[in-house]
Amino acid sequence: MSESASEATNAGAVRPEAGKVGPDGKKRSFFARVVLFVRQVIAELKKVVTPTRSELMTYTLVVIAFVAVVMVFITIVDFGIGKVVLWMFG
């Protein structure tokens, strides 16, 4: 494997000690890690986009339709298993 290919493979990997070691190579204190975590949370929250009203309605209808389909599927499976159990033991 070429050197650039191994770098690309390792680029997305997260080190287990990530966040515990600063850029200078020294271990960060507990409070420094908490501050880093809070800063990262705030940065991620700034990326959140609120959906428009029409998008929200679309998403809601999709969720309701999906839940209805799953309910019908579970009902059919439950009814079938109940019939099989009654046939075997009834």
Protein backbone atom coordinates (compact mmCIF):
# COMPACT_ATOMS: atom_id res chain seq x y z
CA MET A 1 0.00 0.00 0.00
CA SER A 2 1.38 3.41 -0.87
CA GLU A 3 2.11 6.00 1.79
CA SER A 4 -0.68 8.32 0.63
CA ALA A 5 -3.19 5.45 0.63
CA SER A 6 -2.35 4.54 4.22
CA GLU A 7 -2.67 8.21 5.23
CA ALA A 8 -6.10 8.37 3.56
CA THR A 9 -7.14 5.20 5.39
CA ASN A 10 -6.02 6.57 8.75
CA ALA A 11 -7.39 10.07 8.14
CA GLY A 12 -10.89 9.21 9.41
CA ALA A 13 -9.68 7.03 12.28
CA VAL A 14 -10.15 8.42 15.78
CA ARG A 15 -7.37 7.76 18.22
CA PRO A 16 -8.53 6.39 21.58
CA GLU A 17 -6.65 9.18 23.36
CA ALA A 18 -7.99 11.92 21.08
CA GLY A 19 -8.82 14.97 23.15
CA LYS A 20 -6.66 13.84 26.05
CA VAL A 21 -3.44 15.02 24.45
CA GLY A 22 -2.98 18.64 23.41
CA PRO A 23 -1.18 19.90 20.30
CA ASP A 24 2.01 20.21 22.35
CA GLY A 25 1.91 16.49 23.21
CA LYS A 26 1.13 17.02 26.90
CA LYS A 27 -1.84 15.41 28.58
CA ARG A 28 -4.77 17.80 29.08
CA SER A 29 -6.36 18.25 32.48
CA PHE A 30 -9.92 17.18 33.19
CA PHE A 31 -11.21 20.76 33.02
CA ALA A 32 -9.40 21.44 29.74
CA ARG A 33 -11.10 18.38 28.24
CA VAL A 34 -14.50 19.57 29.52
CA VAL A 35 -13.93 23.01 27.99
CA LEU A 36 -12.89 21.40 24.70
CA PHE A 37 -16.02 19.24 24.75
CA VAL A 38 -18.28 22.25 25.39
CA ARG A 39 -16.63 24.19 22.56
CA GLN A 40 -17.13 21.28 20.18
CA VAL A 41 -20.78 20.94 21.20
CA ILE A 42 -21.38 24.65 20.57
CA ALA A 43 -19.65 24.40 17.17
CA GLU A 44 -21.89 21.47 16.20
CA LEU A 45 -25.02 23.27 17.40
CA LYS A 46 -24.16 26.20 15.14
CA LYS A 47 -24.37 23.81 12.17
CA VAL A 48 -27.98 22.81 12.96
CA VAL A 49 -30.52 24.10 10.44
CA THR A 50 -34.16 24.50 11.44
CA PRO A 51 -36.49 22.98 8.81
CA THR A 52 -39.09 25.13 7.10
CA ARG A 53 -42.76 24.58 7.83
CA SER A 54 -43.30 22.60 4.60
CA GLU A 55 -40.24 20.43 5.29
CA LEU A 56 -41.46 19.78 8.82
CA MET A 57 -44.90 18.75 7.51
CA THR A 58 -43.29 16.44 4.96
CA TYR A 59 -41.02 14.83 7.56
CA THR A 60 -43.95 14.39 9.94
CA LEU A 61 -46.09 12.71 7.28
CA VAL A 62 -43.23 10.39 6.33
CA VAL A 63 -42.76 9.35 9.97
CA ILE A 64 -46.50 8.77 10.47
CA ALA A 65 -46.71 6.69 7.27
CA PHE A 66 -43.67 4.63 8.27
CA VAL A 67 -45.09 3.97 11.75
CA ALA A 68 -48.43 2.92 10.22
CA VAL A 69 -46.69 0.48 7.84
CA VAL A 70 -44.66 -1.03 10.69
CA MET A 71 -47.82 -1.33 12.82
CA VAL A 72 -49.60 -3.23 10.03
CA PHE A 73 -46.58 -5.51 9.55
CA ILE A 74 -46.31 -6.28 13.29
CA THR A 75 -50.07 -6.89 13.50
CA ILE A 76 -49.94 -9.40 10.62
CA VAL A 77 -46.92 -11.19 12.10
CA ASP A 78 -48.56 -11.30 15.55
CA PHE A 79 -51.82 -12.63 14.10
CA GLY A 80 -49.93 -15.29 12.12
CA ILE A 81 -47.90 -16.44 15.11
CA GLY A 82 -51.06 -16.55 17.23
CA LYS A 83 -52.80 -18.76 14.64
CA VAL A 84 -49.78 -21.09 14.43
CA VAL A 85 -49.60 -21.42 18.25
CA LEU A 86 -53.34 -22.12 18.48
CA TRP A 87 -53.06 -24.71 15.71
CA MET A 88 -50.11 -26.43 17.42
CA PHE A 89 -51.38 -26.37 21.04
CA GLY A 90 -55.10 -25.65 20.71
